PDB file of N, CA and C in Angstrom:
ATOM      1  N   MET A   1      -9.461  31.750 -10.638  1.00  0.00           N
ATOM      2  CA  MET A   1     -10.300  31.603  -9.466  1.00  0.00           C
ATOM      3  C   MET A   1      -9.770  32.552  -8.405  1.00  0.00           C
ATOM      4  N   SER A   2     -10.630  33.383  -7.881  1.00  0.00           N
ATOM      5  CA  SER A   2     -10.227  34.357  -6.888  1.00  0.00           C
ATOM      6  C   SER A   2     -11.174  34.277  -5.702  1.00  0.00           C
ATOM      7  N   PHE A   3     -10.608  34.382  -4.505  1.00  0.00           N
ATOM      8  CA  PHE A   3     -11.440  34.357  -3.320  1.00  0.00           C
ATOM      9  C   PHE A   3     -11.523  35.742  -2.684  1.00  0.00           C
ATOM     10  N   GLY A   4     -10.899  36.730  -3.320  1.00  0.00           N
ATOM     11  CA  GLY A   4     -10.942  38.097  -2.816  1.00  0.00           C
ATOM     12  C   GLY A   4     -12.242  38.775  -3.184  1.00  0.00           C
ATOM     13  N   ARG A   5     -12.346  40.048  -2.876  1.00  0.00           N
ATOM     14  CA  ARG A   5     -13.550  40.798  -3.184  1.00  0.00           C
ATOM     15  C   ARG A   5     -13.357  41.567  -4.492  1.00  0.00           C
ATOM     16  N   GLY A   6     -13.105  40.847  -5.559  1.00  0.00           N
ATOM     17  CA  GLY A   6     -12.893  41.462  -6.860  1.00  0.00           C
ATOM     18  C   GLY A   6     -14.191  41.608  -7.621  1.00  0.00           C
ATOM     19  N   ILE A   7     -14.086  41.687  -8.912  1.00  0.00           N
ATOM     20  CA  ILE A   7     -15.219  41.891  -9.791  1.00  0.00           C
ATOM     21  C   ILE A   7     -16.180  40.704  -9.764  1.00  0.00           C
ATOM     22  N   GLU A   8     -15.664  39.534  -9.451  1.00  0.00           N
ATOM     23  CA  GLU A   8     -16.448  38.312  -9.568  1.00  0.00           C
ATOM     24  C   GLU A   8     -17.678  38.266  -8.668  1.00  0.00           C
ATOM     25  N   GLY A   9     -17.603  38.819  -7.500  1.00  0.00           N
ATOM     26  CA  GLY A   9     -18.746  38.803  -6.599  1.00  0.00           C
ATOM     27  C   GLY A   9     -18.828  37.531  -5.778  1.00  0.00           C
ATOM     28  N   PRO A  10     -19.701  37.521  -4.748  1.00  0.00           N
ATOM     29  CA  PRO A  10     -19.773  36.403  -3.814  1.00  0.00           C
ATOM     30  C   PRO A  10     -20.276  35.105  -4.434  1.00  0.00           C
ATOM     31  N   ALA A  11     -21.187  35.162  -5.409  1.00  0.00           N
ATOM     32  CA  ALA A  11     -21.710  33.921  -5.993  1.00  0.00           C
ATOM     33  C   ALA A  11     -20.600  33.137  -6.688  1.00  0.00           C
ATOM     34  N   VAL A  12     -19.720  33.830  -7.398  1.00  0.00           N
ATOM     35  CA  VAL A  12     -18.629  33.166  -8.097  1.00  0.00           C
ATOM     36  C   VAL A  12     -17.660  32.572  -7.086  1.00  0.00           C
ATOM     37  N   ARG A  13     -17.384  33.284  -6.002  1.00  0.00           N
ATOM     38  CA  ARG A  13     -16.470  32.763  -4.988  1.00  0.00           C
ATOM     39  C   ARG A  13     -17.051  31.502  -4.354  1.00  0.00           C
ATOM     40  N   ARG A  14     -18.354  31.482  -4.073  1.00  0.00           N
ATOM     41  CA  ARG A  14     -18.969  30.287  -3.504  1.00  0.00           C
ATOM     42  C   ARG A  14     -18.842  29.117  -4.471  1.00  0.00           C
ATOM     43  N   ASP A  15     -19.055  29.372  -5.771  1.00  0.00           N
ATOM     44  CA  ASP A  15     -18.905  28.307  -6.759  1.00  0.00           C
ATOM     45  C   ASP A  15     -17.471  27.809  -6.790  1.00  0.00           C
ATOM     46  N   ALA A  16     -16.509  28.719  -6.683  1.00  0.00           N
ATOM     47  CA  ALA A  16     -15.102  28.326  -6.686  1.00  0.00           C
ATOM     48  C   ALA A  16     -14.798  27.475  -5.461  1.00  0.00           C
ATOM     49  N   PHE A  17     -15.324  27.876  -4.289  1.00  0.00           N
ATOM     50  CA  PHE A  17     -15.127  27.074  -3.087  1.00  0.00           C
ATOM     51  C   PHE A  17     -15.766  25.702  -3.251  1.00  0.00           C
ATOM     52  N   ALA A  18     -16.955  25.649  -3.850  1.00  0.00           N
ATOM     53  CA  ALA A  18     -17.643  24.376  -4.037  1.00  0.00           C
ATOM     54  C   ALA A  18     -16.807  23.458  -4.906  1.00  0.00           C
ATOM     55  N   GLN A  19     -16.215  23.996  -5.955  1.00  0.00           N
ATOM     56  CA  GLN A  19     -15.366  23.186  -6.816  1.00  0.00           C
ATOM     57  C   GLN A  19     -14.117  22.756  -6.070  1.00  0.00           C
ATOM     58  N   LEU A  20     -13.514  23.661  -5.333  1.00  0.00           N
ATOM     59  CA  LEU A  20     -12.277  23.378  -4.628  1.00  0.00           C
ATOM     60  C   LEU A  20     -12.475  22.303  -3.568  1.00  0.00           C
ATOM     61  N   ALA A  21     -13.584  22.338  -2.888  1.00  0.00           N
ATOM     62  CA  ALA A  21     -13.809  21.413  -1.776  1.00  0.00           C
ATOM     63  C   ALA A  21     -14.641  20.209  -2.180  1.00  0.00           C
ATOM     64  N   GLY A  22     -14.711  19.939  -3.459  1.00  0.00           N
ATOM     65  CA  GLY A  22     -15.452  18.769  -3.908  1.00  0.00           C
ATOM     66  C   GLY A  22     -16.943  18.880  -3.665  1.00  0.00           C
ATOM     67  N   GLY A  23     -17.491  20.078  -3.794  1.00  0.00           N
ATOM     68  CA  GLY A  23     -18.925  20.263  -3.656  1.00  0.00           C
ATOM     69  C   GLY A  23     -19.353  20.813  -2.312  1.00  0.00           C
ATOM     70  N   MET A  24     -18.431  20.983  -1.397  1.00  0.00           N
ATOM     71  CA  MET A  24     -18.789  21.521  -0.094  1.00  0.00           C
ATOM     72  C   MET A  24     -18.634  23.031  -0.098  1.00  0.00           C
ATOM     73  N   ILE A  25     -19.630  23.728   0.393  1.00  0.00           N
ATOM     74  CA  ILE A  25     -19.569  25.184   0.440  1.00  0.00           C
ATOM     75  C   ILE A  25     -19.318  25.593   1.882  1.00  0.00           C
ATOM     76  N   GLY A  26     -18.268  26.375   2.100  1.00  0.00           N
ATOM     77  CA  GLY A  26     -17.877  26.734   3.452  1.00  0.00           C
ATOM     78  C   GLY A  26     -18.437  28.054   3.917  1.00  0.00           C
ATOM     79  N   SER A  27     -19.745  28.234   3.886  1.00  0.00           N
ATOM     80  CA  SER A  27     -20.314  29.518   4.243  1.00  0.00           C
ATOM     81  C   SER A  27     -20.754  29.597   5.702  1.00  0.00           C
ATOM     82  N   MET A  28     -21.014  28.484   6.347  1.00  0.00           N
ATOM     83  CA  MET A  28     -21.506  28.500   7.721  1.00  0.00           C
ATOM     84  C   MET A  28     -20.462  27.881   8.647  1.00  0.00           C
ATOM     85  N   ARG A  29     -20.107  28.581   9.680  1.00  0.00           N
ATOM     86  CA  ARG A  29     -19.132  28.081  10.642  1.00  0.00           C
ATOM     87  C   ARG A  29     -19.851  27.281  11.723  1.00  0.00           C
ATOM     88  N   VAL A  30     -19.283  26.131  12.075  1.00  0.00           N
ATOM     89  CA  VAL A  30     -19.842  25.267  13.102  1.00  0.00           C
ATOM     90  C   VAL A  30     -18.727  24.913  14.071  1.00  0.00           C
ATOM     91  N   LYS A  31     -18.992  25.062  15.323  1.00  0.00           N
ATOM     92  CA  LYS A  31     -17.995  24.713  16.334  1.00  0.00           C
ATOM     93  C   LYS A  31     -18.008  23.201  16.530  1.00  0.00           C
ATOM     94  N   THR A  32     -16.816  22.619  16.568  1.00  0.00           N
ATOM     95  CA  THR A  32     -16.706  21.171  16.719  1.00  0.00           C
ATOM     96  C   THR A  32     -15.510  20.846  17.596  1.00  0.00           C
ATOM     97  N   SER A  33     -15.396  19.597  17.941  1.00  0.00           N
ATOM     98  CA  SER A  33     -14.276  19.138  18.743  1.00  0.00           C
ATOM     99  C   SER A  33     -13.659  17.932  18.070  1.00  0.00           C
ATOM    100  N   VAL A  34     -12.333  17.904  17.999  1.00  0.00           N
ATOM    101  CA  VAL A  34     -11.634  16.768  17.409  1.00  0.00           C
ATOM    102  C   VAL A  34     -10.522  16.327  18.344  1.00  0.00           C
ATOM    103  N   THR A  35     -10.145  15.086  18.231  1.00  0.00           N
ATOM    104  CA  THR A  35      -9.037  14.548  19.005  1.00  0.00           C
ATOM    105  C   THR A  35      -7.924  14.207  18.026  1.00  0.00           C
ATOM    106  N   ILE A  36      -6.746  14.816  18.233  1.00  0.00           N
ATOM    107  CA  ILE A  36      -5.617  14.560  17.348  1.00  0.00           C
ATOM    108  C   ILE A  36      -4.354  14.344  18.162  1.00  0.00           C
ATOM    109  N   ASP A  37      -3.373  13.779  17.511  1.00  0.00           N
ATOM    110  CA  ASP A  37      -2.090  13.512  18.134  1.00  0.00           C
ATOM    111  C   ASP A  37      -1.445  14.818  18.608  1.00  0.00           C
ATOM    112  N   GLU A  38      -0.804  14.769  19.763  1.00  0.00           N
ATOM    113  CA  GLU A  38      -0.193  15.962  20.356  1.00  0.00           C
ATOM    114  C   GLU A  38       0.870  16.569  19.446  1.00  0.00           C
ATOM    115  N   ARG A  39       1.658  15.717  18.773  1.00  0.00           N
ATOM    116  CA  ARG A  39       2.703  16.226  17.871  1.00  0.00           C
ATOM    117  C   ARG A  39       2.095  16.943  16.677  1.00  0.00           C
ATOM    118  N   VAL A  40       0.968  16.427  16.192  1.00  0.00           N
ATOM    119  CA  VAL A  40       0.285  17.079  15.071  1.00  0.00           C
ATOM    120  C   VAL A  40      -0.236  18.443  15.523  1.00  0.00           C
ATOM    121  N   LEU A  41      -0.783  18.502  16.717  1.00  0.00           N
ATOM    122  CA  LEU A  41      -1.290  19.767  17.251  1.00  0.00           C
ATOM    123  C   LEU A  41      -0.164  20.791  17.384  1.00  0.00           C
ATOM    124  N   LYS A  42       0.991  20.360  17.853  1.00  0.00           N
ATOM    125  CA  LYS A  42       2.129  21.283  17.966  1.00  0.00           C
ATOM    126  C   LYS A  42       2.548  21.799  16.592  1.00  0.00           C
ATOM    127  N   ALA A  43       2.532  20.927  15.591  1.00  0.00           N
ATOM    128  CA  ALA A  43       2.880  21.353  14.227  1.00  0.00           C
ATOM    129  C   ALA A  43       1.847  22.337  13.691  1.00  0.00           C
ATOM    130  N   ILE A  44       0.578  22.086  13.993  1.00  0.00           N
ATOM    131  CA  ILE A  44      -0.476  23.016  13.579  1.00  0.00           C
ATOM    132  C   ILE A  44      -0.271  24.363  14.251  1.00  0.00           C
ATOM    133  N   ASP A  45       0.029  24.338  15.533  1.00  0.00           N
ATOM    134  CA  ASP A  45       0.253  25.592  16.257  1.00  0.00           C
ATOM    135  C   ASP A  45       1.430  26.372  15.685  1.00  0.00           C
ATOM    136  N   LYS A  46       2.455  25.673  15.212  1.00  0.00           N
ATOM    137  CA  LYS A  46       3.591  26.356  14.589  1.00  0.00           C
ATOM    138  C   LYS A  46       3.188  27.009  13.273  1.00  0.00           C
ATOM    139  N   ALA A  47       2.167  26.472  12.626  1.00  0.00           N
ATOM    140  CA  ALA A  47       1.711  27.015  11.342  1.00  0.00           C
ATOM    141  C   ALA A  47       0.762  28.204  11.517  1.00  0.00           C
ATOM    142  N   THR A  48       0.329  28.452  12.743  1.00  0.00           N
ATOM    143  CA  THR A  48      -0.579  29.576  12.966  1.00  0.00           C
ATOM    144  C   THR A  48       0.197  30.889  13.005  1.00  0.00           C
ATOM    145  N   THR A  49      -0.529  31.958  12.722  1.00  0.00           N
ATOM    146  CA  THR A  49       0.035  33.309  12.808  1.00  0.00           C
ATOM    147  C   THR A  49      -0.979  34.198  13.508  1.00  0.00           C
ATOM    148  N   ARG A  50      -0.661  35.476  13.600  1.00  0.00           N
ATOM    149  CA  ARG A  50      -1.610  36.407  14.221  1.00  0.00           C
ATOM    150  C   ARG A  50      -2.905  36.482  13.408  1.00  0.00           C
ATOM    151  N   THR A  51      -2.800  36.290  12.089  1.00  0.00           N
ATOM    152  CA  THR A  51      -3.972  36.420  11.224  1.00  0.00           C
ATOM    153  C   THR A  51      -4.510  35.073  10.735  1.00  0.00           C
ATOM    154  N   ARG A  52      -3.855  33.989  11.117  1.00  0.00           N
ATOM    155  CA  ARG A  52      -4.278  32.652  10.659  1.00  0.00           C
ATOM    156  C   ARG A  52      -4.381  31.727  11.869  1.00  0.00           C
ATOM    157  N   SER A  53      -5.593  31.530  12.335  1.00  0.00           N
ATOM    158  CA  SER A  53      -5.840  30.765  13.557  1.00  0.00           C
ATOM    159  C   SER A  53      -5.673  29.261  13.337  1.00  0.00           C
ATOM    160  N   ARG A  54      -5.668  28.550  14.445  1.00  0.00           N
ATOM    161  CA  ARG A  54      -5.607  27.089  14.402  1.00  0.00           C
ATOM    162  C   ARG A  54      -6.789  26.545  13.590  1.00  0.00           C
ATOM    163  N   SER A  55      -7.969  27.107  13.817  1.00  0.00           N
ATOM    164  CA  SER A  55      -9.146  26.669  13.068  1.00  0.00           C
ATOM    165  C   SER A  55      -8.954  26.876  11.576  1.00  0.00           C
ATOM    166  N   ARG A  56      -8.384  28.018  11.216  1.00  0.00           N
ATOM    167  CA  ARG A  56      -8.160  28.308   9.795  1.00  0.00           C
ATOM    168  C   ARG A  56      -7.148  27.336   9.184  1.00  0.00           C
ATOM    169  N   VAL A  57      -6.092  27.033   9.922  1.00  0.00           N
ATOM    170  CA  VAL A  57      -5.092  26.070   9.434  1.00  0.00           C
ATOM    171  C   VAL A  57      -5.751  24.709   9.192  1.00  0.00           C
ATOM    172  N   LEU A  58      -6.552  24.251  10.156  1.00  0.00           N
ATOM    173  CA  LEU A  58      -7.237  22.968  10.004  1.00  0.00           C
ATOM    174  C   LEU A  58      -8.252  23.002   8.859  1.00  0.00           C
ATOM    175  N   GLU A  59      -8.986  24.095   8.737  1.00  0.00           N
ATOM    176  CA  GLU A  59      -9.968  24.222   7.657  1.00  0.00           C
ATOM    177  C   GLU A  59      -9.281  24.218   6.289  1.00  0.00           C
ATOM    178  N   ASP A  60      -8.177  24.950   6.170  1.00  0.00           N
ATOM    179  CA  ASP A  60      -7.425  24.969   4.907  1.00  0.00           C
ATOM    180  C   ASP A  60      -6.899  23.574   4.565  1.00  0.00           C
ATOM    181  N   ALA A  61      -6.399  22.865   5.581  1.00  0.00           N
ATOM    182  CA  ALA A  61      -5.888  21.511   5.355  1.00  0.00           C
ATOM    183  C   ALA A  61      -7.019  20.583   4.907  1.00  0.00           C
ATOM    184  N   ALA A  62      -8.178  20.720   5.523  1.00  0.00           N
ATOM    185  CA  ALA A  62      -9.324  19.885   5.143  1.00  0.00           C
ATOM    186  C   ALA A  62      -9.760  20.200   3.711  1.00  0.00           C
ATOM    187  N   ARG A  63      -9.792  21.478   3.349  1.00  0.00           N
ATOM    188  CA  ARG A  63     -10.153  21.858   1.977  1.00  0.00           C
ATOM    189  C   ARG A  63      -9.170  21.266   0.972  1.00  0.00           C
ATOM    190  N   GLU A  64      -7.880  21.349   1.275  1.00  0.00           N
ATOM    191  CA  GLU A  64      -6.870  20.778   0.374  1.00  0.00           C
ATOM    192  C   GLU A  64      -7.071  19.268   0.247  1.00  0.00           C
ATOM    193  N   PHE A  65      -7.314  18.604   1.353  1.00  0.00           N
ATOM    194  CA  PHE A  65      -7.540  17.157   1.344  1.00  0.00           C
ATOM    195  C   PHE A  65      -8.756  16.801   0.492  1.00  0.00           C
ATOM    196  N   LEU A  66      -9.848  17.537   0.693  1.00  0.00           N
ATOM    197  CA  LEU A  66     -11.064  17.262  -0.070  1.00  0.00           C
ATOM    198  C   LEU A  66     -10.875  17.551  -1.555  1.00  0.00           C
ATOM    199  N   ALA A  67     -10.145  18.607  -1.879  1.00  0.00           N
ATOM    200  CA  ALA A  67      -9.874  18.927  -3.280  1.00  0.00           C
ATOM    201  C   ALA A  67      -9.026  17.831  -3.924  1.00  0.00           C
ATOM    202  N   ARG A  68      -8.016  17.327  -3.202  1.00  0.00           N
ATOM    203  CA  ARG A  68      -7.186  16.229  -3.726  1.00  0.00           C
ATOM    204  C   ARG A  68      -8.016  14.977  -3.956  1.00  0.00           C
ATOM    205  N   ARG A  69      -8.915  14.669  -3.016  1.00  0.00           N
ATOM    206  CA  ARG A  69      -9.786  13.492  -3.187  1.00  0.00           C
ATOM    207  C   ARG A  69     -10.694  13.648  -4.391  1.00  0.00           C
ATOM    208  N   ALA A  70     -11.260  14.838  -4.567  1.00  0.00           N
ATOM    209  CA  ALA A  70     -12.149  15.081  -5.708  1.00  0.00           C
ATOM    210  C   ALA A  70     -11.368  14.959  -7.015  1.00  0.00           C
ATOM    211  N   ARG A  71     -10.155  15.520  -7.032  1.00  0.00           N
ATOM    212  CA  ARG A  71      -9.309  15.438  -8.234  1.00  0.00           C
ATOM    213  C   ARG A  71      -8.933  13.987  -8.524  1.00  0.00           C
ATOM    214  N   ALA A  72      -8.581  13.232  -7.490  1.00  0.00           N
ATOM    215  CA  ALA A  72      -8.222  11.821  -7.682  1.00  0.00           C
ATOM    216  C   ALA A  72      -9.415  11.029  -8.218  1.00  0.00           C
ATOM    217  N   ALA A  73     -10.614  11.329  -7.744  1.00  0.00           N
ATOM    218  CA  ALA A  73     -11.810  10.635  -8.232  1.00  0.00           C
ATOM    219  C   ALA A  73     -12.052  10.967  -9.704  1.00  0.00           C
ATOM    220  N   ARG A  74     -11.886  12.251 -10.067  1.00  0.00           N
ATOM    221  CA  ARG A  74     -12.054  12.639 -11.480  1.00  0.00           C
ATOM    222  C   ARG A  74     -11.022  11.949 -12.354  1.00  0.00           C
ATOM    223  N   GLU A  75      -9.771  11.922 -11.886  1.00  0.00           N
ATOM    224  CA  GLU A  75      -8.708  11.291 -12.667  1.00  0.00           C
ATOM    225  C   GLU A  75      -8.950   9.790 -12.816  1.00  0.00           C
ATOM    226  N   ALA A  76      -9.436   9.146 -11.769  1.00  0.00           N
ATOM    227  CA  ALA A  76      -9.737   7.714 -11.844  1.00  0.00           C
ATOM    228  C   ALA A  76     -10.869   7.464 -12.838  1.00  0.00           C
ATOM    229  N   ARG A  77     -11.883   8.332 -12.801  1.00  0.00           N
ATOM    230  CA  ARG A  77     -12.990   8.199 -13.746  1.00  0.00           C
ATOM    231  C   ARG A  77     -12.492   8.384 -15.181  1.00  0.00           C
ATOM    232  N   ASP A  78     -11.664   9.410 -15.404  1.00  0.00           N
ATOM    233  CA  ASP A  78     -11.121   9.663 -16.743  1.00  0.00           C
ATOM    234  C   ASP A  78     -10.248   8.508 -17.217  1.00  0.00           C
ATOM    235  N   LEU A  79      -9.446   7.962 -16.328  1.00  0.00           N
ATOM    236  CA  LEU A  79      -8.594   6.830 -16.686  1.00  0.00           C
ATOM    237  C   LEU A  79      -9.449   5.623 -17.067  1.00  0.00           C
ATOM    238  N   GLY A  80     -10.531   5.407 -16.336  1.00  0.00           N
ATOM    239  CA  GLY A  80     -11.442   4.318 -16.668  1.00  0.00           C
ATOM    240  C   GLY A  80     -12.032   4.488 -18.062  1.00  0.00           C
ATOM    241  N   ILE A  81     -12.407   5.711 -18.405  1.00  0.00           N
ATOM    242  CA  ILE A  81     -12.949   5.996 -19.737  1.00  0.00           C
ATOM    243  C   ILE A  81     -11.891   5.711 -20.798  1.00  0.00           C
ATOM    244  N   LEU A  82     -10.662   6.173 -20.551  1.00  0.00           N
ATOM    245  CA  LEU A  82      -9.581   5.921 -21.509  1.00  0.00           C
ATOM    246  C   LEU A  82      -9.301   4.428 -21.654  1.00  0.00           C
ATOM    247  N   ASN A  83      -9.274   3.724 -20.544  1.00  0.00           N
ATOM    248  CA  ASN A  83      -9.002   2.287 -20.591  1.00  0.00           C
ATOM    249  C   ASN A  83     -10.095   1.527 -21.340  1.00  0.00           C
ATOM    250  N   GLU A  84     -11.348   1.965 -21.179  1.00  0.00           N
ATOM    251  CA  GLU A  84     -12.442   1.317 -21.901  1.00  0.00           C
ATOM    252  C   GLU A  84     -12.285   1.488 -23.415  1.00  0.00           C
ATOM    253  N   SER A  85     -11.727   2.620 -23.823  1.00  0.00           N
ATOM    254  CA  SER A  85     -11.600   2.935 -25.245  1.00  0.00           C
ATOM    255  C   SER A  85     -10.237   2.577 -25.814  1.00  0.00           C
ATOM    256  N   ALA A  86      -9.322   2.120 -24.999  1.00  0.00           N
ATOM    257  CA  ALA A  86      -7.931   1.930 -25.420  1.00  0.00           C
ATOM    258  C   ALA A  86      -7.799   0.972 -26.601  1.00  0.00           C
ATOM    259  N   ASP A  87      -8.467  -0.164 -26.572  1.00  0.00           N
ATOM    260  CA  ASP A  87      -8.326  -1.135 -27.652  1.00  0.00           C
ATOM    261  C   ASP A  87      -8.797  -0.551 -28.981  1.00  0.00           C
ATOM    262  N   ALA A  88      -9.945   0.105 -28.961  1.00  0.00           N
ATOM    263  CA  ALA A  88     -10.473   0.705 -30.192  1.00  0.00           C
ATOM    264  C   ALA A  88      -9.550   1.808 -30.701  1.00  0.00           C
ATOM    265  N   LEU A  89      -9.042   2.629 -29.795  1.00  0.00           N
ATOM    266  CA  LEU A  89      -8.131   3.706 -30.200  1.00  0.00           C
ATOM    267  C   LEU A  89      -6.832   3.143 -30.752  1.00  0.00           C
ATOM    268  N   ASN A  90      -6.321   2.098 -30.147  1.00  0.00           N
ATOM    269  CA  ASN A  90      -5.080   1.480 -30.633  1.00  0.00           C
ATOM    270  C   ASN A  90      -5.280   0.848 -32.010  1.00  0.00           C
ATOM    271  N   GLU A  91      -6.434   0.213 -32.231  1.00  0.00           N
ATOM    272  CA  GLU A  91      -6.725  -0.351 -33.551  1.00  0.00           C
ATOM    273  C   GLU A  91      -6.807   0.751 -34.602  1.00  0.00           C
ATOM    274  N   GLU A  92      -7.445   1.857 -34.235  1.00  0.00           N
ATOM    275  CA  GLU A  92      -7.545   2.990 -35.163  1.00  0.00           C
ATOM    276  C   GLU A  92      -6.160   3.550 -35.481  1.00  0.00           C
ATOM    277  N   MET A  93      -5.311   3.637 -34.475  1.00  0.00           N
ATOM    278  CA  MET A  93      -3.941   4.133 -34.669  1.00  0.00           C
ATOM    279  C   MET A  93      -3.166   3.207 -35.602  1.00  0.00           C
ATOM    280  N   ASP A  94      -3.288   1.904 -35.396  1.00  0.00           N
ATOM    281  CA  ASP A  94      -2.611   0.939 -36.274  1.00  0.00           C
ATOM    282  C   ASP A  94      -3.087   1.088 -37.717  1.00  0.00           C
ATOM    283  N   ASP A  95      -4.391   1.303 -37.897  1.00  0.00           N
ATOM    284  CA  ASP A  95      -4.950   1.482 -39.231  1.00  0.00           C
ATOM    285  C   ASP A  95      -4.393   2.735 -39.894  1.00  0.00           C
ATOM    286  N   VAL A  96      -4.328   3.835 -39.160  1.00  0.00           N
ATOM    287  CA  VAL A  96      -3.795   5.096 -39.696  1.00  0.00           C
ATOM    288  C   VAL A  96      -2.317   4.935 -40.037  1.00  0.00           C
ATOM    289  N   LEU A  97      -1.568   4.291 -39.175  1.00  0.00           N
ATOM    290  CA  LEU A  97      -0.136   4.115 -39.418  1.00  0.00           C
ATOM    291  C   LEU A  97       0.132   3.216 -40.629  1.00  0.00           C
ATOM    292  N   ALA A  98      -0.771   2.309 -40.894  1.00  0.00           N
ATOM    293  CA  ALA A  98      -0.620   1.407 -42.033  1.00  0.00           C
ATOM    294  C   ALA A  98      -0.661   2.170 -43.364  1.00  0.00           C
ATOM    295  N   TYR A  99      -1.328   3.330 -43.389  1.00  0.00           N
ATOM    296  CA  TYR A  99      -1.437   4.133 -44.595  1.00  0.00           C
ATOM    297  C   TYR A  99      -0.238   5.033 -44.820  1.00  0.00           C
ATOM    298  N   GLN A 100       0.602   5.207 -43.811  1.00  0.00           N
ATOM    299  CA  GLN A 100       1.765   6.083 -43.960  1.00  0.00           C
ATOM    300  C   GLN A 100       2.854   5.383 -44.757  1.00  0.00           C
ATOM    301  N   ALA A 101       3.530   6.156 -45.588  1.00  0.00           N
ATOM    302  CA  ALA A 101       4.641   5.621 -46.386  1.00  0.00           C
ATOM    303  C   ALA A 101       5.848   5.436 -45.503  1.00  0.00           C
ATOM    304  N   ASP A 102       6.638   4.420 -45.800  1.00  0.00           N
ATOM    305  CA  ASP A 102       7.900   4.213 -45.076  1.00  0.00           C
ATOM    306  C   ASP A 102       8.876   5.297 -45.495  1.00  0.00           C
ATOM    307  N   VAL A 103       9.581   5.843 -44.557  1.00  0.00           N
ATOM    308  CA  VAL A 103      10.543   6.918 -44.864  1.00  0.00           C
ATOM    309  C   VAL A 103      11.939   6.385 -44.829  1.00  0.00           C
TER     310      VAL A 103
END
């Protein structure tokens, strides 16, 4: 997954962003206002650079948060599928092991 201007082109980058942010595409900028703890703001300001603004730091943090939530939801769904099948899979494993010779 690349967000640079490589061979992939803008459509692929948008798809990558959509996957990364749990389906949200970050193509349109909207000005907003938030209220946060002063200590958190100071930490955010320390993370800024000449090329990485406060807005960018917050946007990157939000993207990471959304990606983690999407991943956790997928993992929970997958675990549910495994748990639903666990008894049948364990019975099948016991059956297969019963055919193995003792060593």
